[in-house]
Amino acid sequence: MKLFTKSQLIVSASLILLLTLSKSTFSYEFNINAEYLFSDKKGKYTTAKGNVYFKSEDAEVYSHSLTVNEEIKVITADGIVVFKQNDKQIEGNSLWYDYENEKYYFHQPKGWVKVEGISENIYFKSKILQGSKQKITLTKGSFNTCGPQCREEYNISASHINIYPNNKIVARNVFFYVSKHKLFYTPFFIQSFKESERKNIPIYGYNKSEGFYIKSNYPYVESLTLTGIFIFNYMSKKGIGYGIDNNYTLSKLGKGKIYYYTNKEKNTNFTTNNYNLQQSLNIGKSVT
């Protein structure tokens, strides 16, 4: 067993890892910074201890101790472990990371991930997490969009949660909580991040002005000449809002729109009414 002092650490770590990995078909370059670094005689295992910092092209890991198995391209870390990539950060008790295939496994994790289509991050925690660039799977977990500071105010808990950062969230056995109270249960839940796919799916979230909210649009009529949507929103700070959004086409006049939305604001006790009436005109040869 070889032991490197702190002054030799950074250079030694780079040499050991880069020389060993260059023998394979693919080249993996990374650095380790720590108080102590150990390596076996064959150079297959490298262990770092004390304020460990691992950095590769795709990820960063902070931990108390970390072991690199260069033969199977796997990193294991224990203690308080922080894993960072461009679009996510995860903290947990232990980490298993396959840096060749970019797959990872966490015990007792919490963290956040940036997703396409919404401005807020998805914040989560669970007992077990399995992840890759395409998907994060949570077992017995919860998530929200307002961070740990409002977890007691609202969260969505489920036995199984799949987060696809470029697409959607899919969850099973789901409970919705507001101020630690169960609001309702659903056996299956899908939340798309794509605007074009949200028409019939309730939107759940949080912001400072509205608080926790559930916003839903339900089609009540749909034909070639008329579409009608009923709007129903619940906001923990502003109360309940509802209305209609109708779009129609008349053969002689053309396209039109009737929109109405009302909300008696919980925080001010004032009622806000929004109206929008639109009507286009088809002006043809018969009009002078």
Protein backbone atom coordinates (compact mmCIF):
# COMPACT_ATOMS: atom_id res chain seq x y z
CA MET A 1 0.00 0.00 0.00
CA LYS A 2 1.41 3.38 -1.00
CA LEU A 3 0.82 6.49 1.12
CA PHE A 4 1.14 10.01 -0.29
CA THR A 5 1.49 13.09 1.87
CA LYS A 6 -0.65 16.17 1.40
CA SER A 7 2.13 18.03 -0.45
CA GLN A 8 2.45 15.20 -2.99
CA LEU A 9 -1.26 14.66 -3.33
CA ILE A 10 -2.49 16.55 -6.41
CA VAL A 11 0.40 15.54 -8.70
CA SER A 12 0.36 11.93 -7.52
CA ALA A 13 -3.40 11.55 -7.97
CA SER A 14 -3.27 12.88 -11.52
CA LEU A 15 -0.38 10.57 -12.49
CA ILE A 16 -1.91 7.40 -11.03
CA LEU A 17 -5.35 7.88 -12.52
CA LEU A 18 -4.36 9.18 -15.96
CA LEU A 19 -1.66 6.55 -16.61
CA THR A 20 -3.94 3.66 -15.63
CA LEU A 21 -6.98 4.83 -17.55
CA SER A 22 -5.04 5.60 -20.74
CA LYS A 23 -4.58 1.82 -21.26
CA SER A 24 -8.28 1.39 -22.04
CA THR A 25 -10.06 2.27 -25.26
CA PHE A 26 -11.58 5.37 -23.73
CA SER A 27 -9.69 8.05 -21.83
CA TYR A 28 -11.08 9.39 -18.54
CA GLU A 29 -9.34 12.37 -17.06
CA PHE A 30 -10.07 13.55 -13.54
CA ASN A 31 -8.36 14.95 -10.47
CA ILE A 32 -8.64 14.19 -6.76
CA ASN A 33 -7.75 16.56 -3.95
CA ALA A 34 -7.73 15.26 -0.34
CA GLU A 35 -5.71 15.13 2.87
CA TYR A 36 -4.53 11.55 2.25
CA LEU A 37 -4.35 9.37 -0.85
CA PHE A 38 -3.77 5.57 -0.93
CA SER A 39 -3.18 3.32 -3.93
CA ASP A 40 -2.65 -0.44 -4.22
CA LYS A 41 0.44 -1.81 -5.95
CA LYS A 42 -1.42 -2.72 -9.14
CA GLY A 43 -3.02 0.71 -9.32
CA LYS A 44 -6.54 -0.67 -9.61
CA TYR A 45 -7.86 1.00 -6.46
CA THR A 46 -7.28 4.55 -5.29
CA THR A 47 -8.70 5.71 -1.96
CA ALA A 48 -8.83 9.33 -0.80
CA LYS A 49 -9.72 10.47 2.74
CA GLY A 50 -10.30 13.81 4.42
CA ASN A 51 -12.03 16.73 2.64
CA VAL A 52 -12.10 14.84 -0.65
CA TYR A 53 -12.81 16.68 -3.88
CA PHE A 54 -13.19 14.67 -7.10
CA LYS A 55 -13.61 16.39 -10.48
CA SER A 56 -14.15 14.92 -13.94
CA GLU A 57 -15.41 16.41 -17.18
CA ASP A 58 -19.05 15.69 -16.27
CA ALA A 59 -19.28 15.70 -12.47
CA GLU A 60 -17.91 16.88 -9.14
CA VAL A 61 -18.00 14.93 -5.86
CA TYR A 62 -17.32 16.19 -2.33
CA SER A 63 -17.04 13.65 0.49
CA HIS A 64 -15.16 12.49 3.59
CA SER A 65 -13.82 9.37 1.86
CA LEU A 66 -13.83 8.16 -1.74
CA THR A 67 -12.57 5.07 -3.57
CA VAL A 68 -11.96 4.77 -7.31
CA ASN A 69 -12.12 1.26 -8.81
CA GLU A 70 -10.34 1.83 -12.11
CA GLU A 71 -10.96 -1.72 -13.32
CA ILE A 72 -14.76 -1.41 -13.43
CA LYS A 73 -14.84 2.44 -13.67
CA VAL A 74 -16.79 2.94 -10.42
CA ILE A 75 -16.49 5.46 -7.60
CA THR A 76 -17.87 4.86 -4.11
CA ALA A 77 -18.08 7.58 -1.46
CA ASP A 78 -19.28 7.66 2.17
CA GLY A 79 -20.10 10.20 4.83
CA ILE A 80 -21.83 13.38 3.72
CA VAL A 81 -21.53 13.14 -0.08
CA VAL A 82 -22.35 15.97 -2.50
CA PHE A 83 -22.67 15.18 -6.22
CA LYS A 84 -22.83 18.03 -8.76
CA GLN A 85 -23.52 18.20 -12.47
CA ASN A 86 -24.55 21.15 -14.65
CA ASP A 87 -28.30 20.64 -14.16
CA LYS A 88 -28.45 19.00 -10.73
CA GLN A 89 -27.04 18.74 -7.20
CA ILE A 90 -27.58 15.78 -4.87
CA GLU A 91 -26.48 15.24 -1.26
CA GLY A 92 -26.69 11.90 0.55
CA ASN A 93 -25.11 9.43 2.96
CA SER A 94 -23.40 7.30 0.32
CA LEU A 95 -22.77 7.32 -3.43
CA TRP A 96 -22.08 4.66 -6.06
CA TYR A 97 -21.11 6.27 -9.39
CA ASP A 98 -20.37 4.48 -12.67
CA TYR A 99 -18.43 7.24 -14.40
CA GLU A 100 -18.12 5.31 -17.68
CA ASN A 101 -21.89 4.96 -18.17
CA GLU A 102 -22.76 8.04 -16.06
CA LYS A 103 -25.11 6.18 -13.71
CA TYR A 104 -25.31 6.79 -9.95
CA TYR A 105 -27.00 5.45 -6.83
CA PHE A 106 -27.62 7.40 -3.59
CA HIS A 107 -28.81 6.44 -0.11
CA GLN A 108 -30.96 8.99 1.79
CA PRO A 109 -30.55 11.73 -0.87
CA LYS A 110 -31.92 15.22 -1.19
CA GLY A 111 -31.25 17.74 -3.91
CA TRP A 112 -32.54 19.61 -6.95
CA VAL A 113 -32.61 19.27 -10.72
CA LYS A 114 -33.19 21.86 -13.44
CA VAL A 115 -35.82 20.81 -15.99
CA GLU A 116 -36.81 22.18 -19.36
CA GLY A 117 -39.99 24.21 -19.71
CA ILE A 118 -40.40 25.63 -16.18
CA SER A 119 -38.44 28.36 -14.42
CA GLU A 120 -38.30 26.68 -10.98
CA ASN A 121 -36.03 23.79 -10.05
CA ILE A 122 -37.51 20.48 -8.92
CA TYR A 123 -36.46 19.89 -5.28
CA PHE A 124 -36.63 16.34 -3.97
CA LYS A 125 -35.70 13.89 -1.22
CA SER A 126 -36.12 10.12 -0.88
CA LYS A 127 -34.83 6.96 0.75
CA ILE A 128 -33.13 5.70 -2.41
CA LEU A 129 -32.18 7.41 -5.67
CA GLN A 130 -31.00 5.94 -8.96
CA GLY A 131 -30.00 8.31 -11.72
CA SER A 132 -28.53 8.98 -15.15
CA LYS A 133 -28.52 11.94 -17.53
CA GLN A 134 -31.93 10.91 -18.90
CA LYS A 135 -33.81 9.97 -15.71
CA ILE A 136 -33.84 10.24 -11.90
CA THR A 137 -35.78 7.56 -10.01
CA LEU A 138 -36.83 8.17 -6.39
CA THR A 139 -38.10 5.43 -4.08
CA LYS A 140 -40.35 6.60 -1.21
CA GLY A 141 -39.72 10.26 -1.95
CA SER A 142 -41.25 13.70 -2.30
CA PHE A 143 -40.76 16.75 -4.49
CA ASN A 144 -41.82 20.37 -4.95
CA THR A 145 -40.74 23.51 -6.82
CA CYS A 146 -40.04 25.90 -3.96
CA GLY A 147 -37.10 24.31 -2.18
CA PRO A 148 -36.51 22.98 1.34
CA GLN A 149 -37.68 26.24 2.97
CA CYS A 150 -41.32 25.51 2.09
CA ARG A 151 -41.33 21.71 2.24
CA GLU A 152 -43.76 21.81 5.18
CA GLU A 153 -46.10 24.10 3.26
CA TYR A 154 -46.43 21.92 0.21
CA ASN A 155 -44.98 18.77 -1.27
CA ILE A 156 -45.99 15.84 -3.42
CA SER A 157 -45.06 12.47 -1.88
CA ALA A 158 -45.11 9.14 -3.68
CA SER A 159 -43.88 5.57 -3.41
CA HIS A 160 -42.14 5.80 -6.78
CA ILE A 161 -41.14 8.92 -8.76
CA ASN A 162 -39.45 9.15 -12.17
CA ILE A 163 -38.12 12.58 -13.19
CA TYR A 164 -37.25 12.98 -16.88
CA PRO A 165 -35.55 16.44 -16.95
CA ASN A 166 -36.28 17.00 -20.65
CA ASN A 167 -39.85 15.75 -20.59
CA LYS A 168 -42.00 15.01 -17.51
CA ILE A 169 -42.52 13.59 -14.00
CA VAL A 170 -44.31 10.26 -13.55
CA ALA A 171 -45.28 9.12 -10.04
CA ARG A 172 -47.26 6.31 -8.40
CA ASN A 173 -49.27 6.24 -5.14
CA VAL A 174 -49.23 10.02 -4.77
CA PHE A 175 -50.30 12.21 -1.83
CA PHE A 176 -50.52 16.01 -2.07
CA TYR A 177 -49.68 17.86 1.14
CA VAL A 178 -50.45 21.46 2.16
CA SER A 179 -49.16 22.66 5.56
CA LYS A 180 -48.52 19.02 6.59
CA HIS A 181 -52.14 18.09 5.77
CA LYS A 182 -53.02 15.54 3.09
CA LEU A 183 -54.99 17.40 0.44
CA PHE A 184 -55.83 14.40 -1.75
CA TYR A 185 -54.54 11.11 -3.16
CA THR A 186 -54.16 9.79 -6.68
CA PRO A 187 -52.79 6.36 -7.69
CA PHE A 188 -51.01 7.80 -10.73
CA PHE A 189 -49.64 11.24 -11.59
CA ILE A 190 -48.04 12.71 -14.73
CA GLN A 191 -46.74 16.28 -15.02
CA SER A 192 -45.40 17.31 -18.42
CA PHE A 193 -42.80 20.08 -18.68
CA LYS A 194 -43.89 20.83 -22.26
CA GLU A 195 -46.43 23.63 -22.65
CA SER A 196 -48.20 21.90 -25.56
CA GLU A 197 -49.00 18.84 -23.40
CA ARG A 198 -50.41 20.59 -20.30
CA LYS A 199 -54.00 21.23 -21.44
CA ASN A 200 -55.65 18.46 -19.44
CA ILE A 201 -53.04 18.04 -16.71
CA PRO A 202 -53.21 20.06 -13.44
CA ILE A 203 -50.16 22.25 -12.82
CA TYR A 204 -48.74 22.14 -9.28
CA GLY A 205 -46.23 24.66 -7.99
CA TYR A 206 -45.33 27.48 -5.67
CA ASN A 207 -44.43 31.16 -5.95
CA LYS A 208 -44.25 34.04 -3.46
CA SER A 209 -47.38 35.90 -4.61
CA GLU A 210 -49.77 32.92 -4.93
CA GLY A 211 -48.22 30.43 -2.50
CA PHE A 212 -48.86 26.75 -3.23
CA TYR A 213 -51.11 26.42 -6.28
CA ILE A 214 -53.01 23.87 -8.32
CA LYS A 215 -54.06 25.20 -11.73
CA SER A 216 -56.26 23.15 -14.00
CA ASN A 217 -57.99 23.54 -17.37
CA TYR A 218 -60.81 21.14 -18.24
CA PRO A 219 -62.34 21.02 -21.76
CA TYR A 220 -66.13 20.90 -21.52
CA VAL A 221 -66.95 21.26 -25.22
CA GLU A 222 -64.90 20.63 -28.35
CA SER A 223 -65.98 20.70 -31.97
CA LEU A 224 -64.78 22.07 -35.30
CA THR A 225 -66.33 25.48 -34.59
CA LEU A 226 -66.26 25.71 -30.78
CA THR A 227 -63.84 24.81 -27.97
CA GLY A 228 -64.66 25.55 -24.35
CA ILE A 229 -62.33 25.24 -21.36
CA PHE A 230 -63.30 25.55 -17.71
CA ILE A 231 -60.53 27.08 -15.56
CA PHE A 232 -60.20 26.18 -11.89
CA ASN A 233 -57.27 27.34 -9.75
CA TYR A 234 -56.51 26.89 -6.06
CA MET A 235 -53.90 29.23 -4.51
CA SER A 236 -53.00 29.04 -0.82
CA LYS A 237 -52.48 32.84 -0.58
CA LYS A 238 -55.07 34.10 -3.09
CA GLY A 239 -57.86 31.57 -2.69
CA ILE A 240 -59.92 30.04 -5.50
CA GLY A 241 -60.15 31.39 -9.02
CA TYR A 242 -62.32 30.09 -11.84
CA GLY A 243 -63.58 31.00 -15.28
CA ILE A 244 -64.04 30.01 -18.93
CA ASP A 245 -62.00 30.31 -22.10
CA ASN A 246 -64.10 29.80 -25.25
CA ASN A 247 -62.86 30.00 -28.82
CA TYR A 248 -65.33 29.80 -31.71
CA THR A 249 -65.67 30.26 -35.45
CA LEU A 250 -68.74 31.75 -37.11
CA SER A 251 -69.22 31.19 -40.82
CA LYS A 252 -70.05 34.83 -41.62
CA LEU A 253 -68.03 36.71 -39.00
CA GLY A 254 -64.93 34.53 -38.49
CA LYS A 255 -63.06 33.63 -35.33
CA GLY A 256 -63.88 34.92 -31.85
CA LYS A 257 -62.97 34.48 -28.20
CA ILE A 258 -64.82 34.84 -24.90
CA TYR A 259 -62.68 34.77 -21.74
CA TYR A 260 -63.78 35.36 -18.16
CA TYR A 261 -61.87 34.74 -14.93
CA THR A 262 -62.69 35.75 -11.36
CA ASN A 263 -60.79 35.45 -8.11
CA LYS A 264 -61.79 36.64 -4.64
CA GLU A 265 -58.31 37.13 -3.25
CA LYS A 266 -57.82 35.49 0.13
CA ASN A 267 -55.08 37.86 1.27
CA THR A 268 -56.91 41.13 0.40
CA ASN A 269 -60.60 40.05 0.29
CA PHE A 270 -60.96 41.93 -3.03
CA THR A 271 -62.55 40.30 -6.07
CA THR A 272 -60.70 40.55 -9.38
CA ASN A 273 -62.60 40.00 -12.63
CA ASN A 274 -60.90 39.66 -16.01
CA TYR A 275 -62.82 39.84 -19.28
CA ASN A 276 -61.57 39.39 -22.83
CA LEU A 277 -63.93 39.55 -25.82
CA GLN A 278 -62.52 39.24 -29.33
CA GLN A 279 -64.23 39.02 -32.70
CA SER A 280 -62.60 39.04 -36.11
CA LEU A 281 -64.47 40.09 -39.26
CA ASN A 282 -64.37 38.43 -42.66
CA ILE A 283 -64.48 41.26 -45.16
CA GLY A 284 -65.13 39.88 -48.64
CA LYS A 285 -66.27 41.17 -52.02
CA SER A 286 -69.86 41.56 -50.82
CA VAL A 287 -68.85 44.29 -48.37
CA THR A 288 -68.51 47.81 -49.81
